[in-house]
Amino acid sequence: MQSGVKTIKDLTPQVLASIRAMANTRVMVGVPAENAFRVPEPGETVTPPNNAEIGYINEFGEPASHIRPRPFLVPAMETMQPEIIGRLHKIADVAIAGRGPEAVDRGLHALGLRAQAAVRKKITDGPFVPLAPYTIWKRQNRKAPRMGTKPLIDTGALRRSINYAIRRIRAMV
């Protein structure tokens, strides 16, 4: 015999908290400040430009120094845009299902890791404008020579500095 009574759990607080967590969070990919510092080359006394500066110069070029643009961040994110949208839809579904802000955070961290990997892969795979012969010569004739001729990859410090960060923003009241 059935009583006809159903137990319904009200997930409204969890749903609202999850949606608020998603709306007030940003996933940012690039060179966070804590990854920007570079150590001078052996024997050098001048502090080199940091990884964020090097990334910016490579992304947009620097005509005064004859550095051609070799964009890697924006193209990687543009290529990833359909995947980003799909992942954000899934995270929103998790939020609406009331699985809590922790589930939203897990989804955003997974998205950040995927975006970080995409940018690092773009740096590795290119394609980019080839290095000038003079640049190759300079790389080969340093105090600590490196024989690499691949654009954007000399020591690997720029590629390693690419990371993601989850940042909370202030909620609009």
N, C-alpha and C. Protein backbone atom coordinates (compact mmCIF):
# COMPACT_ATOMS: atom_id res chain seq x y z
N MET A 1 0.83 -1.17 0.00
CA MET A 1 0.00 0.00 0.00
C MET A 1 0.88 1.24 0.00
N GLN A 2 0.62 2.14 -0.90
CA GLN A 2 1.41 3.38 -0.99
C GLN A 2 0.66 4.50 -0.32
N SER A 3 1.44 5.34 0.36
CA SER A 3 0.81 6.44 1.08
C SER A 3 0.61 7.67 0.20
N GLY A 4 1.34 7.75 -0.94
CA GLY A 4 1.21 8.92 -1.81
C GLY A 4 2.04 10.10 -1.34
N VAL A 5 2.82 9.92 -0.30
CA VAL A 5 3.65 10.99 0.22
C VAL A 5 5.03 10.89 -0.45
N LYS A 6 5.50 12.02 -0.94
CA LYS A 6 6.83 12.09 -1.54
C LYS A 6 7.68 13.05 -0.73
N THR A 7 8.94 12.69 -0.57
CA THR A 7 9.87 13.57 0.12
C THR A 7 10.63 14.34 -0.96
N ILE A 8 10.59 15.63 -0.86
CA ILE A 8 11.29 16.49 -1.81
C ILE A 8 12.32 17.30 -1.04
N LYS A 9 13.52 17.25 -1.54
CA LYS A 9 14.60 18.00 -0.89
C LYS A 9 14.75 19.33 -1.62
N ASP A 10 14.76 20.39 -0.89
CA ASP A 10 14.91 21.72 -1.47
C ASP A 10 16.40 22.02 -1.65
N LEU A 11 16.84 22.07 -2.92
CA LEU A 11 18.24 22.34 -3.23
C LEU A 11 18.49 23.81 -3.59
N THR A 12 17.50 24.63 -3.36
CA THR A 12 17.63 26.03 -3.75
C THR A 12 18.88 26.70 -3.17
N PRO A 13 19.20 26.52 -1.89
CA PRO A 13 20.41 27.18 -1.37
C PRO A 13 21.69 26.72 -2.08
N GLN A 14 21.80 25.40 -2.36
CA GLN A 14 22.98 24.90 -3.05
C GLN A 14 23.05 25.42 -4.48
N VAL A 15 21.90 25.45 -5.15
CA VAL A 15 21.86 25.95 -6.53
C VAL A 15 22.30 27.40 -6.57
N LEU A 16 21.74 28.22 -5.68
CA LEU A 16 22.11 29.64 -5.67
C LEU A 16 23.58 29.84 -5.32
N ALA A 17 24.09 29.07 -4.36
CA ALA A 17 25.51 29.18 -3.99
C ALA A 17 26.40 28.77 -5.16
N SER A 18 26.01 27.71 -5.87
CA SER A 18 26.80 27.25 -7.02
C SER A 18 26.81 28.27 -8.15
N ILE A 19 25.64 28.81 -8.45
CA ILE A 19 25.55 29.82 -9.51
C ILE A 19 26.34 31.06 -9.13
N ARG A 20 26.24 31.47 -7.87
CA ARG A 20 26.99 32.64 -7.39
C ARG A 20 28.49 32.38 -7.51
N ALA A 21 28.92 31.17 -7.14
CA ALA A 21 30.35 30.83 -7.23
C ALA A 21 30.83 30.91 -8.68
N MET A 22 30.03 30.40 -9.61
CA MET A 22 30.42 30.42 -11.01
C MET A 22 30.44 31.85 -11.56
N ALA A 23 29.42 32.64 -11.20
CA ALA A 23 29.32 34.00 -11.72
C ALA A 23 30.41 34.92 -11.17
N ASN A 24 30.90 34.62 -9.98
CA ASN A 24 31.88 35.50 -9.34
C ASN A 24 33.30 34.98 -9.43
N THR A 25 33.56 34.10 -10.38
CA THR A 25 34.88 33.50 -10.52
C THR A 25 35.36 33.65 -11.95
N ARG A 26 36.63 33.91 -12.10
CA ARG A 26 37.26 34.01 -13.42
C ARG A 26 38.40 33.01 -13.50
N VAL A 27 38.50 32.35 -14.64
CA VAL A 27 39.65 31.49 -14.92
C VAL A 27 40.54 32.28 -15.87
N MET A 28 41.75 32.55 -15.44
CA MET A 28 42.66 33.35 -16.25
C MET A 28 43.89 32.51 -16.59
N VAL A 29 44.33 32.63 -17.83
CA VAL A 29 45.47 31.85 -18.31
C VAL A 29 46.52 32.83 -18.81
N GLY A 30 47.75 32.59 -18.45
CA GLY A 30 48.85 33.45 -18.87
C GLY A 30 50.03 33.25 -17.96
N VAL A 31 50.69 34.35 -17.63
CA VAL A 31 51.86 34.30 -16.75
C VAL A 31 51.51 35.04 -15.46
N PRO A 32 51.07 34.31 -14.43
CA PRO A 32 50.79 34.96 -13.16
C PRO A 32 52.06 35.59 -12.58
N ALA A 33 51.89 36.60 -11.77
CA ALA A 33 53.03 37.33 -11.20
C ALA A 33 54.02 36.40 -10.51
N GLU A 34 53.51 35.37 -9.83
CA GLU A 34 54.43 34.48 -9.10
C GLU A 34 55.29 33.63 -10.04
N ASN A 35 54.94 33.58 -11.32
CA ASN A 35 55.71 32.80 -12.30
C ASN A 35 56.52 33.69 -13.24
N ALA A 36 56.52 34.98 -13.02
CA ALA A 36 57.10 35.91 -13.99
C ALA A 36 58.60 36.09 -13.86
N PHE A 37 59.16 35.98 -12.67
CA PHE A 37 60.57 36.29 -12.43
C PHE A 37 61.49 35.36 -13.21
N ARG A 38 62.59 35.91 -13.70
CA ARG A 38 63.62 35.10 -14.40
C ARG A 38 64.96 35.34 -13.72
N VAL A 39 65.75 34.31 -13.70
CA VAL A 39 67.10 34.36 -13.12
C VAL A 39 68.06 34.82 -14.21
N PRO A 40 68.99 35.73 -13.90
CA PRO A 40 69.97 36.15 -14.91
C PRO A 40 70.81 34.98 -15.41
N GLU A 41 71.27 35.09 -16.65
CA GLU A 41 72.18 34.09 -17.24
C GLU A 41 73.45 34.04 -16.40
N PRO A 42 74.17 32.91 -16.40
CA PRO A 42 75.43 32.84 -15.66
C PRO A 42 76.39 33.93 -16.13
N GLY A 43 76.93 34.67 -15.18
CA GLY A 43 77.88 35.74 -15.49
C GLY A 43 77.21 37.08 -15.77
N GLU A 44 75.90 37.11 -15.91
CA GLU A 44 75.18 38.36 -16.17
C GLU A 44 74.84 39.03 -14.84
N THR A 45 74.86 40.34 -14.83
CA THR A 45 74.50 41.09 -13.63
C THR A 45 73.17 41.81 -13.79
N VAL A 46 72.71 41.91 -15.01
CA VAL A 46 71.45 42.62 -15.29
C VAL A 46 70.29 41.64 -15.17
N THR A 47 69.25 42.05 -14.46
CA THR A 47 68.06 41.22 -14.36
C THR A 47 67.34 41.22 -15.70
N PRO A 48 67.08 40.06 -16.25
CA PRO A 48 66.42 39.99 -17.56
C PRO A 48 64.95 40.38 -17.46
N PRO A 49 64.32 40.66 -18.59
CA PRO A 49 62.88 40.92 -18.54
C PRO A 49 62.17 39.69 -17.98
N ASN A 50 61.05 39.92 -17.29
CA ASN A 50 60.37 38.77 -16.71
C ASN A 50 59.55 38.04 -17.78
N ASN A 51 59.03 36.87 -17.40
CA ASN A 51 58.31 36.03 -18.36
C ASN A 51 57.06 36.71 -18.90
N ALA A 52 56.38 37.52 -18.10
CA ALA A 52 55.20 38.22 -18.58
C ALA A 52 55.59 39.22 -19.68
N GLU A 53 56.70 39.94 -19.48
CA GLU A 53 57.17 40.87 -20.50
C GLU A 53 57.59 40.14 -21.77
N ILE A 54 58.30 39.04 -21.60
CA ILE A 54 58.74 38.27 -22.76
C ILE A 54 57.54 37.71 -23.52
N GLY A 55 56.55 37.23 -22.78
CA GLY A 55 55.34 36.74 -23.42
C GLY A 55 54.62 37.82 -24.20
N TYR A 56 54.51 39.01 -23.62
CA TYR A 56 53.84 40.14 -24.29
C TYR A 56 54.60 40.52 -25.56
N ILE A 57 55.91 40.62 -25.45
CA ILE A 57 56.73 41.00 -26.61
C ILE A 57 56.58 39.96 -27.73
N ASN A 58 56.58 38.69 -27.37
CA ASN A 58 56.42 37.66 -28.39
C ASN A 58 55.01 37.63 -28.96
N GLU A 59 54.03 37.88 -28.14
CA GLU A 59 52.63 37.88 -28.62
C GLU A 59 52.39 38.99 -29.64
N PHE A 60 52.92 40.19 -29.35
CA PHE A 60 52.60 41.36 -30.18
C PHE A 60 53.78 41.90 -30.99
N GLY A 61 54.97 41.41 -30.72
CA GLY A 61 56.15 41.90 -31.42
C GLY A 61 56.67 43.18 -30.81
N GLU A 62 57.88 43.55 -31.21
CA GLU A 62 58.51 44.80 -30.76
C GLU A 62 59.34 45.33 -31.92
N PRO A 63 58.72 46.15 -32.79
CA PRO A 63 59.41 46.62 -33.99
C PRO A 63 60.74 47.31 -33.71
N ALA A 64 60.83 48.07 -32.61
CA ALA A 64 62.07 48.79 -32.31
C ALA A 64 63.24 47.84 -32.12
N SER A 65 62.97 46.63 -31.65
CA SER A 65 64.03 45.63 -31.44
C SER A 65 64.04 44.58 -32.55
N HIS A 66 63.28 44.81 -33.59
CA HIS A 66 63.20 43.88 -34.73
C HIS A 66 62.68 42.50 -34.32
N ILE A 67 61.76 42.49 -33.35
CA ILE A 67 61.15 41.23 -32.93
C ILE A 67 59.77 41.14 -33.56
N ARG A 68 59.60 40.13 -34.38
CA ARG A 68 58.33 39.95 -35.07
C ARG A 68 57.32 39.28 -34.13
N PRO A 69 56.03 39.58 -34.31
CA PRO A 69 55.03 38.93 -33.45
C PRO A 69 54.98 37.43 -33.70
N ARG A 70 54.89 36.71 -32.61
CA ARG A 70 54.70 35.26 -32.66
C ARG A 70 53.60 34.93 -31.66
N PRO A 71 52.35 35.25 -32.03
CA PRO A 71 51.24 35.08 -31.08
C PRO A 71 51.02 33.61 -30.71
N PHE A 72 50.85 33.39 -29.42
CA PHE A 72 50.61 32.03 -28.93
C PHE A 72 49.43 31.96 -27.97
N LEU A 73 49.21 32.99 -27.17
CA LEU A 73 48.15 32.97 -26.17
C LEU A 73 46.77 33.15 -26.81
N VAL A 74 46.60 34.22 -27.55
CA VAL A 74 45.30 34.50 -28.17
C VAL A 74 44.91 33.41 -29.16
N PRO A 75 45.80 32.96 -30.06
CA PRO A 75 45.40 31.88 -30.97
C PRO A 75 45.02 30.58 -30.25
N ALA A 76 45.74 30.25 -29.19
CA ALA A 76 45.42 29.03 -28.44
C ALA A 76 44.03 29.14 -27.83
N MET A 77 43.70 30.30 -27.28
CA MET A 77 42.38 30.48 -26.67
C MET A 77 41.28 30.52 -27.74
N GLU A 78 41.58 31.11 -28.89
CA GLU A 78 40.58 31.12 -29.97
C GLU A 78 40.31 29.71 -30.47
N THR A 79 41.34 28.90 -30.60
CA THR A 79 41.18 27.52 -31.05
C THR A 79 40.38 26.72 -30.02
N MET A 80 40.58 27.04 -28.77
CA MET A 80 39.93 26.31 -27.68
C MET A 80 38.52 26.79 -27.38
N GLN A 81 38.08 27.87 -28.00
CA GLN A 81 36.81 28.48 -27.65
C GLN A 81 35.62 27.51 -27.64
N PRO A 82 35.43 26.66 -28.65
CA PRO A 82 34.31 25.71 -28.58
C PRO A 82 34.40 24.78 -27.36
N GLU A 83 35.61 24.31 -27.05
CA GLU A 83 35.77 23.45 -25.88
C GLU A 83 35.48 24.22 -24.60
N ILE A 84 35.94 25.46 -24.52
CA ILE A 84 35.69 26.28 -23.33
C ILE A 84 34.20 26.45 -23.12
N ILE A 85 33.49 26.78 -24.19
CA ILE A 85 32.03 26.98 -24.09
C ILE A 85 31.36 25.68 -23.63
N GLY A 86 31.76 24.56 -24.21
CA GLY A 86 31.19 23.27 -23.81
C GLY A 86 31.44 22.96 -22.35
N ARG A 87 32.66 23.21 -21.89
CA ARG A 87 32.98 22.95 -20.49
C ARG A 87 32.22 23.89 -19.56
N LEU A 88 32.07 25.14 -19.96
CA LEU A 88 31.31 26.08 -19.12
C LEU A 88 29.83 25.68 -19.05
N HIS A 89 29.29 25.15 -20.13
CA HIS A 89 27.91 24.65 -20.10
C HIS A 89 27.79 23.49 -19.10
N LYS A 90 28.76 22.59 -19.12
CA LYS A 90 28.74 21.47 -18.17
C LYS A 90 28.86 21.95 -16.73
N ILE A 91 29.70 22.95 -16.51
CA ILE A 91 29.85 23.50 -15.16
C ILE A 91 28.55 24.17 -14.72
N ALA A 92 27.90 24.86 -15.65
CA ALA A 92 26.61 25.48 -15.32
C ALA A 92 25.57 24.41 -15.00
N ASP A 93 25.58 23.30 -15.72
CA ASP A 93 24.65 22.20 -15.43
C ASP A 93 24.89 21.66 -14.02
N VAL A 94 26.16 21.55 -13.63
CA VAL A 94 26.51 21.10 -12.28
C VAL A 94 25.97 22.10 -11.26
N ALA A 95 26.12 23.39 -11.54
CA ALA A 95 25.64 24.42 -10.62
C ALA A 95 24.12 24.34 -10.48
N ILE A 96 23.42 24.20 -11.59
CA ILE A 96 21.96 24.17 -11.57
C ILE A 96 21.45 22.89 -10.90
N ALA A 97 22.23 21.81 -10.98
CA ALA A 97 21.85 20.56 -10.32
C ALA A 97 22.01 20.65 -8.80
N GLY A 98 22.62 21.74 -8.31
CA GLY A 98 22.77 21.93 -6.87
C GLY A 98 23.86 21.09 -6.25
N ARG A 99 24.87 20.76 -7.03
CA ARG A 99 25.96 19.92 -6.51
C ARG A 99 26.96 20.72 -5.68
N GLY A 100 26.75 22.03 -5.57
CA GLY A 100 27.55 22.84 -4.66
C GLY A 100 28.69 23.58 -5.32
N PRO A 101 29.16 24.65 -4.66
CA PRO A 101 30.26 25.45 -5.18
C PRO A 101 31.55 24.66 -5.36
N GLU A 102 31.75 23.61 -4.55
CA GLU A 102 32.97 22.80 -4.68
C GLU A 102 33.02 22.11 -6.03
N ALA A 103 31.88 21.63 -6.51
CA ALA A 103 31.82 20.98 -7.81
C ALA A 103 32.09 21.98 -8.93
N VAL A 104 31.59 23.20 -8.76
CA VAL A 104 31.85 24.26 -9.73
C VAL A 104 33.35 24.56 -9.76
N ASP A 105 33.96 24.67 -8.57
CA ASP A 105 35.41 24.93 -8.50
C ASP A 105 36.21 23.82 -9.18
N ARG A 106 35.83 22.58 -8.97
CA ARG A 106 36.54 21.47 -9.62
C ARG A 106 36.46 21.61 -11.14
N GLY A 107 35.28 21.96 -11.65
CA GLY A 107 35.13 22.15 -13.09
C GLY A 107 35.96 23.30 -13.61
N LEU A 108 36.01 24.40 -12.85
CA LEU A 108 36.81 25.56 -13.28
C LEU A 108 38.30 25.25 -13.25
N HIS A 109 38.75 24.48 -12.27
CA HIS A 109 40.16 24.08 -12.22
C HIS A 109 40.50 23.17 -13.39
N ALA A 110 39.59 22.26 -13.72
CA ALA A 110 39.81 21.38 -14.87
C ALA A 110 39.90 22.20 -16.16
N LEU A 111 39.05 23.20 -16.29
CA LEU A 111 39.08 24.09 -17.44
C LEU A 111 40.41 24.86 -17.49
N GLY A 112 40.86 25.36 -16.34
CA GLY A 112 42.13 26.08 -16.28
C GLY A 112 43.31 25.21 -16.70
N LEU A 113 43.33 23.97 -16.22
CA LEU A 113 44.42 23.06 -16.60
C LEU A 113 44.40 22.77 -18.09
N ARG A 114 43.22 22.60 -18.64
CA ARG A 114 43.11 22.31 -20.08
C ARG A 114 43.58 23.51 -20.90
N ALA A 115 43.20 24.72 -20.49
CA ALA A 115 43.62 25.93 -21.20
C ALA A 115 45.13 26.13 -21.08
N GLN A 116 45.68 25.90 -19.90
CA GLN A 116 47.13 25.99 -19.70
C GLN A 116 47.85 25.04 -20.64
N ALA A 117 47.38 23.82 -20.73
CA ALA A 117 48.00 22.82 -21.61
C ALA A 117 47.91 23.25 -23.07
N ALA A 118 46.80 23.85 -23.46
CA ALA A 118 46.63 24.29 -24.85
C ALA A 118 47.62 25.39 -25.21
N VAL A 119 47.84 26.33 -24.30
CA VAL A 119 48.79 27.42 -24.57
C VAL A 119 50.21 26.87 -24.62
N ARG A 120 50.56 25.99 -23.69
CA ARG A 120 51.90 25.40 -23.71
C ARG A 120 52.12 24.59 -25.00
N LYS A 121 51.10 23.89 -25.45
CA LYS A 121 51.21 23.12 -26.69
C LYS A 121 51.41 24.05 -27.88
N LYS A 122 50.72 25.18 -27.89
CA LYS A 122 50.89 26.15 -28.98
C LYS A 122 52.33 26.66 -29.00
N ILE A 123 52.91 26.94 -27.84
CA ILE A 123 54.30 27.39 -27.79
C ILE A 123 55.22 26.31 -28.36
N THR A 124 54.95 25.06 -28.04
CA THR A 124 55.79 23.96 -28.51
C THR A 124 55.62 23.71 -30.01
N ASP A 125 54.36 23.72 -30.47
CA ASP A 125 54.07 23.29 -31.85
C ASP A 125 54.06 24.40 -32.88
N GLY A 126 53.79 25.66 -32.45
CA GLY A 126 53.73 26.75 -33.42
C GLY A 126 52.51 26.63 -34.30
N PRO A 127 52.61 26.98 -35.55
CA PRO A 127 53.79 27.43 -36.30
C PRO A 127 54.06 28.91 -36.04
N PHE A 128 55.32 29.28 -36.11
CA PHE A 128 55.74 30.66 -35.89
C PHE A 128 56.71 31.08 -36.98
N VAL A 129 56.87 32.39 -37.10
CA VAL A 129 57.87 32.95 -38.00
C VAL A 129 59.22 32.42 -37.53
N PRO A 130 60.06 31.91 -38.43
CA PRO A 130 61.37 31.38 -37.99
C PRO A 130 62.25 32.46 -37.37
N LEU A 131 63.19 32.01 -36.57
CA LEU A 131 64.15 32.94 -35.97
C LEU A 131 65.07 33.50 -37.05
N ALA A 132 65.50 34.71 -36.82
CA ALA A 132 66.46 35.32 -37.73
C ALA A 132 67.81 34.63 -37.57
N PRO A 133 68.61 34.57 -38.63
CA PRO A 133 69.93 33.93 -38.53
C PRO A 133 70.77 34.53 -37.40
N TYR A 134 70.68 35.86 -37.19
CA TYR A 134 71.46 36.49 -36.13
C TYR A 134 71.03 35.97 -34.76
N THR A 135 69.73 35.76 -34.57
CA THR A 135 69.24 35.24 -33.28
C THR A 135 69.78 33.84 -33.05
N ILE A 136 69.76 33.02 -34.08
CA ILE A 136 70.30 31.67 -33.96
C ILE A 136 71.79 31.72 -33.62
N TRP A 137 72.52 32.61 -34.27
CA TRP A 137 73.94 32.76 -34.00
C TRP A 137 74.16 33.19 -32.54
N LYS A 138 73.35 34.15 -32.07
CA LYS A 138 73.47 34.60 -30.68
C LYS A 138 73.22 33.47 -29.70
N ARG A 139 72.22 32.66 -29.98
CA ARG A 139 71.92 31.53 -29.10
C ARG A 139 73.09 30.55 -29.05
N GLN A 140 73.73 30.33 -30.17
CA GLN A 140 74.82 29.36 -30.23
C GLN A 140 76.12 29.89 -29.65
N ASN A 141 76.26 31.20 -29.52
CA ASN A 141 77.52 31.79 -29.08
C ASN A 141 77.43 32.47 -27.71
N ARG A 142 76.53 32.06 -26.88
CA ARG A 142 76.43 32.58 -25.52
C ARG A 142 77.40 31.86 -24.61
N LYS A 143 77.50 32.40 -23.40
CA LYS A 143 78.35 31.74 -22.40
C LYS A 143 77.79 30.35 -22.09
N ALA A 144 76.48 30.24 -22.05
CA ALA A 144 75.83 28.94 -21.86
C ALA A 144 75.03 28.66 -23.13
N PRO A 145 75.72 28.15 -24.18
CA PRO A 145 75.05 28.00 -25.47
C PRO A 145 73.92 26.98 -25.44
N ARG A 146 72.90 27.30 -26.20
CA ARG A 146 71.81 26.38 -26.43
C ARG A 146 71.64 26.33 -27.93
N MET A 147 71.52 25.18 -28.45
CA MET A 147 71.52 25.02 -29.90
C MET A 147 70.12 25.13 -30.51
N GLY A 148 69.11 25.40 -29.71
CA GLY A 148 67.75 25.43 -30.22
C GLY A 148 67.52 26.54 -31.24
N THR A 149 66.76 26.23 -32.24
CA THR A 149 66.41 27.23 -33.26
C THR A 149 64.89 27.40 -33.33
N LYS A 150 64.19 26.88 -32.33
CA LYS A 150 62.74 26.95 -32.32
C LYS A 150 62.29 28.28 -31.71
N PRO A 151 61.44 29.03 -32.41
CA PRO A 151 60.94 30.28 -31.84
C PRO A 151 60.19 30.02 -30.54
N LEU A 152 60.29 30.95 -29.61
CA LEU A 152 59.64 30.94 -28.30
C LEU A 152 60.22 29.92 -27.33
N ILE A 153 61.12 29.07 -27.80
CA ILE A 153 61.70 28.08 -26.90
C ILE A 153 63.21 28.24 -26.91
N ASP A 154 63.72 28.74 -25.81
CA ASP A 154 65.17 28.85 -25.64
C ASP A 154 65.52 28.04 -24.40
N THR A 155 65.13 28.54 -23.25
CA THR A 155 65.37 27.80 -22.01
C THR A 155 64.14 27.00 -21.58
N GLY A 156 62.99 27.33 -22.12
CA GLY A 156 61.74 26.69 -21.71
C GLY A 156 61.06 27.42 -20.56
N ALA A 157 61.68 28.51 -20.07
CA ALA A 157 61.13 29.23 -18.92
C ALA A 157 59.78 29.88 -19.24
N LEU A 158 59.62 30.42 -20.44
CA LEU A 158 58.34 31.04 -20.79
C LEU A 158 57.24 29.99 -20.80
N ARG A 159 57.49 28.88 -21.45
CA ARG A 159 56.48 27.82 -21.53
C ARG A 159 56.12 27.30 -20.13
N ARG A 160 57.13 27.10 -19.28
CA ARG A 160 56.86 26.63 -17.92
C ARG A 160 56.10 27.66 -17.10
N SER A 161 56.26 28.94 -17.41
CA SER A 161 55.60 29.99 -16.62
C SER A 161 54.12 30.13 -16.95
N ILE A 162 53.68 29.54 -18.07
CA ILE A 162 52.26 29.61 -18.42
C ILE A 162 51.48 28.80 -17.40
N ASN A 163 50.49 29.42 -16.81
CA ASN A 163 49.70 28.78 -15.78
C ASN A 163 48.29 29.33 -15.84
N TYR A 164 47.45 28.84 -14.98
CA TYR A 164 46.10 29.39 -14.87
C TYR A 164 45.90 29.83 -13.43
N ALA A 165 44.97 30.72 -13.24
CA ALA A 165 44.64 31.18 -11.90
C ALA A 165 43.13 31.31 -11.82
N ILE A 166 42.60 30.92 -10.69
CA ILE A 166 41.18 31.10 -10.41
C ILE A 166 41.08 32.33 -9.52
N ARG A 167 40.40 33.33 -9.98
CA ARG A 167 40.27 34.58 -9.23
C ARG A 167 38.81 34.85 -8.91
N ARG A 168 38.58 35.18 -7.67
CA ARG A 168 37.24 35.58 -7.25
C ARG A 168 37.09 37.07 -7.48
N ILE A 169 35.95 37.47 -7.96
CA ILE A 169 35.68 38.89 -8.13
C ILE A 169 34.61 39.29 -7.13
N ARG A 170 34.57 40.56 -6.82
CA ARG A 170 33.56 41.01 -5.88
C ARG A 170 32.19 40.94 -6.51
N ALA A 171 31.25 40.45 -5.75
CA ALA A 171 29.88 40.34 -6.25
C ALA A 171 29.25 41.71 -6.31
N MET A 172 28.45 41.90 -7.34
CA MET A 172 27.69 43.14 -7.46
C MET A 172 26.53 43.08 -6.47
N VAL A 173 26.34 44.16 -5.74
CA VAL A 173 25.25 44.17 -4.76
C VAL A 173 24.15 45.07 -5.23
